[in-house]
């Protein structure tokens, strides 16, 4: 492979272009680093949202199961009431069971039944309210998860051009090193072509005059 001839290039212009390319490369590296940091942060937030979503889902399913059990109990009570209404004998027999009880005992039983009824109604109301709250919280967590996924999807394609620009910058680095070698070679050749000026040698003249012949 033949070496590139840099003799026709302006050294100052080449250096300016190399500095510009170096600055561009540094900017690209900073941009890629920031994008990677952003993606890592978004992935962490997405993981946290998924954990919260799993927790809310578990609580929601548990609450649904509890509500189902309460509804079954309500259905059993209603069935018993329907049976008592449909069969007068059973209704009378249940009534006769209280005939021998004193009035104070009947009063306590009625009060206990009223408390049980109020407690069941409160539990049912509270369960309904909690179901609504859990559903809203689950919906918010799901929306946040989708938003984070959308942000990650938007940020991921931006890494592609940056990676391609980094790959394009590698030949520039090779050209930079090649040009530096060429500049060094040219400088050496120019130095060799110039005549070397040797320092003037100071001749030591004798301070003594030649003797005169007699």
C-alpha atoms as a PDB file:
ATOM      1  CA  UNK A   1       0.000   0.000   0.000  1.00  0.00           C
ATOM      2  CA  UNK A   2       1.508   3.335  -1.080  1.00  0.00           C
ATOM      3  CA  UNK A   3       2.040   6.046   1.518  1.00  0.00           C
ATOM      4  CA  UNK A   4      -0.098   9.136   1.159  1.00  0.00           C
ATOM      5  CA  UNK A   5       1.812  12.124  -0.132  1.00  0.00           C
ATOM      6  CA  UNK A   6       1.249  15.042   2.235  1.00  0.00           C
ATOM      7  CA  UNK A   7       3.716  17.361   0.497  1.00  0.00           C
ATOM      8  CA  UNK A   8       0.928  19.266  -1.288  1.00  0.00           C
ATOM      9  CA  UNK A   9      -1.083  19.832   1.908  1.00  0.00           C
ATOM     10  CA  UNK A  10      -0.924  22.906   4.052  1.00  0.00           C
ATOM     11  CA  UNK A  11       0.363  21.826   7.436  1.00  0.00           C
ATOM     12  CA  UNK A  12      -1.557  24.523   9.283  1.00  0.00           C
ATOM     13  CA  UNK A  13      -4.824  23.615   7.571  1.00  0.00           C
ATOM     14  CA  UNK A  14      -4.303  19.926   8.255  1.00  0.00           C
ATOM     15  CA  UNK A  15      -3.637  20.619  11.910  1.00  0.00           C
ATOM     16  CA  UNK A  16      -6.763  22.773  12.150  1.00  0.00           C
ATOM     17  CA  UNK A  17      -8.850  20.011  10.550  1.00  0.00           C
ATOM     18  CA  UNK A  18      -7.373  17.440  12.915  1.00  0.00           C
ATOM     19  CA  UNK A  19      -8.145  19.612  15.927  1.00  0.00           C
ATOM     20  CA  UNK A  20     -11.701  20.055  14.666  1.00  0.00           C
ATOM     21  CA  UNK A  21     -12.109  16.306  14.157  1.00  0.00           C
ATOM     22  CA  UNK A  22     -10.669  15.647  17.616  1.00  0.00           C
ATOM     23  CA  UNK A  23     -13.127  18.080  19.202  1.00  0.00           C
ATOM     24  CA  UNK A  24     -15.978  16.451  17.276  1.00  0.00           C
ATOM     25  CA  UNK A  25     -14.881  13.020  18.449  1.00  0.00           C
ATOM     26  CA  UNK A  26     -14.752  14.188  22.086  1.00  0.00           C
ATOM     27  CA  UNK A  27     -18.235  15.708  21.763  1.00  0.00           C
ATOM     28  CA  UNK A  28     -19.541  12.435  20.317  1.00  0.00           C
ATOM     29  CA  UNK A  29     -17.982  10.432  23.133  1.00  0.00           C
ATOM     30  CA  UNK A  30     -19.576  12.730  25.727  1.00  0.00           C
ATOM     31  CA  UNK A  31     -22.930  12.459  23.957  1.00  0.00           C
ATOM     32  CA  UNK A  32     -22.729   8.660  23.840  1.00  0.00           C
ATOM     33  CA  UNK A  33     -21.776   8.531  27.524  1.00  0.00           C
ATOM     34  CA  UNK A  34     -24.728  10.752  28.467  1.00  0.00           C
ATOM     35  CA  UNK A  35     -27.123   8.645  26.396  1.00  0.00           C
ATOM     36  CA  UNK A  36     -25.886   5.456  28.016  1.00  0.00           C
ATOM     37  CA  UNK A  37     -26.267   6.996  31.472  1.00  0.00           C
ATOM     38  CA  UNK A  38     -29.808   8.095  30.605  1.00  0.00           C
ATOM     39  CA  UNK A  39     -30.722   4.616  29.379  1.00  0.00           C
ATOM     40  CA  UNK A  40     -29.301   3.017  32.541  1.00  0.00           C
ATOM     41  CA  UNK A  41     -31.311   5.406  34.720  1.00  0.00           C
ATOM     42  CA  UNK A  42     -34.484   4.766  32.727  1.00  0.00           C
ATOM     43  CA  UNK A  43     -33.964   1.010  32.966  1.00  0.00           C
ATOM     44  CA  UNK A  44     -33.539   1.294  36.757  1.00  0.00           C
ATOM     45  CA  UNK A  45     -36.707   3.362  37.039  1.00  0.00           C
ATOM     46  CA  UNK A  46     -38.519   0.886  34.813  1.00  0.00           C
ATOM     47  CA  UNK A  47     -37.337  -1.978  37.034  1.00  0.00           C
ATOM     48  CA  UNK A  48     -38.601  -0.146  40.123  1.00  0.00           C
ATOM     49  CA  UNK A  49     -41.948   0.501  38.456  1.00  0.00           C
ATOM     50  CA  UNK A  50     -42.210  -3.155  37.479  1.00  0.00           C
ATOM     51  CA  UNK A  51     -41.512  -4.162  41.091  1.00  0.00           C
ATOM     52  CA  UNK A  52     -44.186  -1.747  42.312  1.00  0.00           C
ATOM     53  CA  UNK A  53     -46.534  -3.025  39.646  1.00  0.00           C
ATOM     54  CA  UNK A  54     -45.952  -6.605  40.809  1.00  0.00           C
ATOM     55  CA  UNK A  55     -46.626  -5.582  44.414  1.00  0.00           C
ATOM     56  CA  UNK A  56     -49.821  -3.735  43.478  1.00  0.00           C
ATOM     57  CA  UNK A  57     -50.914  -6.659  41.345  1.00  0.00           C
ATOM     58  CA  UNK A  58     -50.426  -9.076  44.255  1.00  0.00           C
ATOM     59  CA  UNK A  59     -52.372  -6.825  46.608  1.00  0.00           C
ATOM     60  CA  UNK A  60     -55.076  -6.362  44.016  1.00  0.00           C
ATOM     61  CA  UNK A  61     -55.421 -10.110  43.461  1.00  0.00           C
ATOM     62  CA  UNK A  62     -55.462 -10.747  47.228  1.00  0.00           C
ATOM     63  CA  UNK A  63     -58.186  -8.168  47.666  1.00  0.00           C
ATOM     64  CA  UNK A  64     -60.210  -9.728  44.859  1.00  0.00           C
ATOM     65  CA  UNK A  65     -59.907 -13.127  46.537  1.00  0.00           C
ATOM     66  CA  UNK A  66     -61.060 -11.683  49.861  1.00  0.00           C
ATOM     67  CA  UNK A  67     -63.982  -9.976  48.162  1.00  0.00           C
ATOM     68  CA  UNK A  68     -64.920 -13.265  46.555  1.00  0.00           C
ATOM     69  CA  UNK A  69     -64.994 -14.965  49.949  1.00  0.00           C
ATOM     70  CA  UNK A  70     -67.193 -12.203  51.370  1.00  0.00           C
ATOM     71  CA  UNK A  71     -69.544 -12.468  48.432  1.00  0.00           C
ATOM     72  CA  UNK A  72     -69.808 -16.222  49.003  1.00  0.00           C
ATOM     73  CA  UNK A  73     -70.717 -15.622  52.643  1.00  0.00           C
ATOM     74  CA  UNK A  74     -73.334 -13.082  51.603  1.00  0.00           C
ATOM     75  CA  UNK A  75     -74.776 -15.552  49.108  1.00  0.00           C
ATOM     76  CA  UNK A  76     -74.996 -18.243  51.802  1.00  0.00           C
ATOM     77  CA  UNK A  77     -76.822 -15.881  54.148  1.00  0.00           C
ATOM     78  CA  UNK A  78     -79.215 -14.890  51.384  1.00  0.00           C
ATOM     79  CA  UNK A  79     -79.874 -18.528  50.535  1.00  0.00           C
ATOM     80  CA  UNK A  80     -80.683 -19.261  54.155  1.00  0.00           C
ATOM     81  CA  UNK A  81     -83.070 -16.318  54.242  1.00  0.00           C
ATOM     82  CA  UNK A  82     -84.744 -17.523  51.059  1.00  0.00           C
ATOM     83  CA  UNK A  83     -85.097 -20.994  52.522  1.00  0.00           C
ATOM     84  CA  UNK A  84     -86.685 -19.596  55.650  1.00  0.00           C
ATOM     85  CA  UNK A  85     -89.062 -17.506  53.603  1.00  0.00           C
ATOM     86  CA  UNK A  86     -89.972 -20.381  51.320  1.00  0.00           C
ATOM     87  CA  UNK A  87     -90.563 -22.985  54.055  1.00  0.00           C
ATOM     88  CA  UNK A  88     -92.909 -21.745  56.826  1.00  0.00           C
ATOM     89  CA  UNK A  89     -92.250 -24.806  58.982  1.00  0.00           C
ATOM     90  CA  UNK A  90     -88.537 -24.116  59.106  1.00  0.00           C
ATOM     91  CA  UNK A  91     -89.248 -20.484  59.765  1.00  0.00           C
ATOM     92  CA  UNK A  92     -91.561 -21.335  62.631  1.00  0.00           C
ATOM     93  CA  UNK A  93     -89.135 -23.889  64.028  1.00  0.00           C
ATOM     94  CA  UNK A  94     -86.364 -21.308  64.075  1.00  0.00           C
ATOM     95  CA  UNK A  95     -88.714 -18.881  65.767  1.00  0.00           C
ATOM     96  CA  UNK A  96     -89.765 -21.468  68.355  1.00  0.00           C
ATOM     97  CA  UNK A  97     -86.113 -21.943  69.269  1.00  0.00           C
ATOM     98  CA  UNK A  98     -86.179 -18.462  70.756  1.00  0.00           C
ATOM     99  CA  UNK A  99     -89.456 -18.925  72.627  1.00  0.00           C
ATOM    100  CA  UNK A 100     -87.811 -20.304  75.717  1.00  0.00           C
ATOM    101  CA  UNK A 101     -85.065 -17.672  75.793  1.00  0.00           C
ATOM    102  CA  UNK A 102     -85.350 -14.797  78.243  1.00  0.00           C
ATOM    103  CA  UNK A 103     -85.858 -11.308  76.888  1.00  0.00           C
ATOM    104  CA  UNK A 104     -82.357 -10.187  77.876  1.00  0.00           C
ATOM    105  CA  UNK A 105     -80.769 -13.024  75.897  1.00  0.00           C
ATOM    106  CA  UNK A 106     -82.912 -12.252  72.853  1.00  0.00           C
ATOM    107  CA  UNK A 107     -81.932  -8.607  73.135  1.00  0.00           C
ATOM    108  CA  UNK A 108     -78.239  -9.501  73.259  1.00  0.00           C
ATOM    109  CA  UNK A 109     -78.636 -11.758  70.223  1.00  0.00           C
ATOM    110  CA  UNK A 110     -80.384  -8.988  68.286  1.00  0.00           C
ATOM    111  CA  UNK A 111     -77.657  -6.524  69.212  1.00  0.00           C
ATOM    112  CA  UNK A 112     -74.964  -8.977  68.146  1.00  0.00           C
ATOM    113  CA  UNK A 113     -76.725  -9.623  64.840  1.00  0.00           C
ATOM    114  CA  UNK A 114     -77.006  -5.881  64.256  1.00  0.00           C
ATOM    115  CA  UNK A 115     -73.293  -5.461  64.969  1.00  0.00           C
ATOM    116  CA  UNK A 116     -72.410  -8.344  62.656  1.00  0.00           C
ATOM    117  CA  UNK A 117     -74.555  -6.871  59.916  1.00  0.00           C
ATOM    118  CA  UNK A 118     -72.968  -3.425  60.310  1.00  0.00           C
ATOM    119  CA  UNK A 119     -69.482  -4.969  60.355  1.00  0.00           C
ATOM    120  CA  UNK A 120     -70.146  -6.930  57.180  1.00  0.00           C
ATOM    121  CA  UNK A 121     -71.527  -3.842  55.480  1.00  0.00           C
ATOM    122  CA  UNK A 122     -68.487  -1.808  56.524  1.00  0.00           C
ATOM    123  CA  UNK A 123     -66.138  -4.527  55.300  1.00  0.00           C
ATOM    124  CA  UNK A 124     -67.958  -4.692  52.003  1.00  0.00           C
ATOM    125  CA  UNK A 125     -67.835  -0.909  51.584  1.00  0.00           C
ATOM    126  CA  UNK A 126     -64.151  -0.794  52.545  1.00  0.00           C
ATOM    127  CA  UNK A 127     -63.332  -3.620  50.159  1.00  0.00           C
ATOM    128  CA  UNK A 128     -65.123  -1.844  47.330  1.00  0.00           C
ATOM    129  CA  UNK A 129     -63.241   1.388  48.041  1.00  0.00           C
ATOM    130  CA  UNK A 130     -59.905  -0.413  48.233  1.00  0.00           C
ATOM    131  CA  UNK A 131     -60.592  -2.188  44.959  1.00  0.00           C
ATOM    132  CA  UNK A 132     -61.139   1.168  43.277  1.00  0.00           C
ATOM    133  CA  UNK A 133     -57.932   2.589  44.808  1.00  0.00           C
ATOM    134  CA  UNK A 134     -55.885  -0.473  43.900  1.00  0.00           C
ATOM    135  CA  UNK A 135     -57.196  -0.394  40.342  1.00  0.00           C
ATOM    136  CA  UNK A 136     -56.256   3.293  39.979  1.00  0.00           C
ATOM    137  CA  UNK A 137     -52.789   2.713  41.445  1.00  0.00           C
ATOM    138  CA  UNK A 138     -52.250  -0.264  39.174  1.00  0.00           C
ATOM    139  CA  UNK A 139     -53.316   1.792  36.178  1.00  0.00           C
ATOM    140  CA  UNK A 140     -50.910   4.622  37.114  1.00  0.00           C
ATOM    141  CA  UNK A 141     -48.018   2.182  37.553  1.00  0.00           C
ATOM    142  CA  UNK A 142     -48.809   0.580  34.221  1.00  0.00           C
ATOM    143  CA  UNK A 143     -48.906   3.987  32.506  1.00  0.00           C
ATOM    144  CA  UNK A 144     -45.540   4.933  34.045  1.00  0.00           C
ATOM    145  CA  UNK A 145     -44.058   1.643  32.881  1.00  0.00           C
ATOM    146  CA  UNK A 146     -45.268   2.274  29.341  1.00  0.00           C
ATOM    147  CA  UNK A 147     -43.899   5.836  29.442  1.00  0.00           C
ATOM    148  CA  UNK A 148     -40.456   4.588  30.546  1.00  0.00           C
ATOM    149  CA  UNK A 149     -40.482   1.945  27.847  1.00  0.00           C
ATOM    150  CA  UNK A 150     -41.337   4.612  25.266  1.00  0.00           C
ATOM    151  CA  UNK A 151     -38.468   6.835  26.487  1.00  0.00           C
ATOM    152  CA  UNK A 152     -36.037   3.927  26.312  1.00  0.00           C
ATOM    153  CA  UNK A 153     -37.259   3.092  22.818  1.00  0.00           C
ATOM    154  CA  UNK A 154     -36.670   6.714  21.767  1.00  0.00           C
ATOM    155  CA  UNK A 155     -33.198   6.896  23.321  1.00  0.00           C
ATOM    156  CA  UNK A 156     -31.925   3.561  21.990  1.00  0.00           C
ATOM    157  CA  UNK A 157     -31.924   4.502  18.244  1.00  0.00           C
ATOM    158  CA  UNK A 158     -29.885   7.617  19.047  1.00  0.00           C
ATOM    159  CA  UNK A 159     -26.946   5.405  20.006  1.00  0.00           C
ATOM    160  CA  UNK A 160     -26.766   3.995  16.480  1.00  0.00           C
ATOM    161  CA  UNK A 161     -25.575   7.198  14.730  1.00  0.00           C
ATOM    162  CA  UNK A 162     -23.168   7.919  17.580  1.00  0.00           C
ATOM    163  CA  UNK A 163     -21.619   4.478  17.223  1.00  0.00           C
ATOM    164  CA  UNK A 164     -21.336   4.923  13.469  1.00  0.00           C
ATOM    165  CA  UNK A 165     -19.686   8.301  13.986  1.00  0.00           C
ATOM    166  CA  UNK A 166     -17.241   6.703  16.396  1.00  0.00           C
ATOM    167  CA  UNK A 167     -16.420   4.076  13.790  1.00  0.00           C
ATOM    168  CA  UNK A 168     -15.931   6.845  11.234  1.00  0.00           C
ATOM    169  CA  UNK A 169     -13.620   8.641  13.647  1.00  0.00           C
ATOM    170  CA  UNK A 170     -11.241   5.671  13.806  1.00  0.00           C
ATOM    171  CA  UNK A 171      -9.908   6.195  10.236  1.00  0.00           C
ATOM    172  CA  UNK A 172      -9.385   9.850  11.183  1.00  0.00           C
ATOM    173  CA  UNK A 173      -7.198   8.735  14.062  1.00  0.00           C
ATOM    174  CA  UNK A 174      -5.198   6.565  11.667  1.00  0.00           C
ATOM    175  CA  UNK A 175      -4.876   9.496   9.266  1.00  0.00           C
ATOM    176  CA  UNK A 176      -3.801  11.683  12.176  1.00  0.00           C
ATOM    177  CA  UNK A 177      -0.992   9.325  13.130  1.00  0.00           C
ATOM    178  CA  UNK A 178      -0.011   8.941   9.450  1.00  0.00           C
ATOM    179  CA  UNK A 179       0.128  12.679   8.950  1.00  0.00           C
ATOM    180  CA  UNK A 180       2.201  13.105  12.098  1.00  0.00           C
ATOM    181  CA  UNK A 181       4.695  10.554  10.795  1.00  0.00           C
ATOM    182  CA  UNK A 182       4.749  12.286   7.406  1.00  0.00           C
ATOM    183  CA  UNK A 183       5.281  15.682   9.028  1.00  0.00           C
ATOM    184  CA  UNK A 184       8.119  14.270  11.089  1.00  0.00           C
ATOM    185  CA  UNK A 185       9.663  12.734   7.949  1.00  0.00           C
ATOM    186  CA  UNK A 186       9.362  15.998   6.015  1.00  0.00           C
ATOM    187  CA  UNK A 187      10.912  17.939   8.878  1.00  0.00           C
ATOM    188  CA  UNK A 188      13.807  15.485   9.007  1.00  0.00           C
ATOM    189  CA  UNK A 189      14.347  15.645   5.237  1.00  0.00           C
ATOM    190  CA  UNK A 190      14.303  19.438   5.289  1.00  0.00           C
ATOM    191  CA  UNK A 191      16.836  19.408   8.082  1.00  0.00           C
ATOM    192  CA  UNK A 192      19.075  17.025   6.113  1.00  0.00           C
ATOM    193  CA  UNK A 193      18.879  19.133   2.935  1.00  0.00           C
ATOM    194  CA  UNK A 194      19.976  22.327   4.696  1.00  0.00           C
ATOM    195  CA  UNK A 195      23.815  22.733   4.922  1.00  0.00           C
ATOM    196  CA  UNK A 196      25.167  22.259   8.352  1.00  0.00           C
ATOM    197  CA  UNK A 197      26.980  25.340   9.491  1.00  0.00           C
ATOM    198  CA  UNK A 198      30.061  24.369  11.402  1.00  0.00           C
ATOM    199  CA  UNK A 199      31.305  26.759  14.030  1.00  0.00           C
ATOM    200  CA  UNK A 200      34.386  28.762  13.022  1.00  0.00           C
ATOM    201  CA  UNK A 201      37.529  27.374  14.475  1.00  0.00           C
ATOM    202  CA  UNK A 202      39.625  29.946  16.213  1.00  0.00           C
ATOM    203  CA  UNK A 203      43.231  29.597  15.063  1.00  0.00           C
ATOM    204  CA  UNK A 204      45.744  30.139  17.779  1.00  0.00           C
ATOM    205  CA  UNK A 205      48.344  32.572  16.483  1.00  0.00           C
ATOM    206  CA  UNK A 206      51.689  32.453  17.995  1.00  0.00           C
ATOM    207  CA  UNK A 207      52.479  35.423  20.111  1.00  0.00           C
ATOM    208  CA  UNK A 208      56.130  35.034  19.371  1.00  0.00           C
ATOM    209  CA  UNK A 209      57.725  36.600  16.245  1.00  0.00           C
ATOM    210  CA  UNK A 210      60.054  34.485  14.105  1.00  0.00           C
ATOM    211  CA  UNK A 211      63.666  34.846  14.920  1.00  0.00           C
ATOM    212  CA  UNK A 212      65.765  36.906  12.531  1.00  0.00           C
ATOM    213  CA  UNK A 213      68.701  35.184  11.007  1.00  0.00           C
ATOM    214  CA  UNK A 214      72.000  36.825  11.745  1.00  0.00           C
END
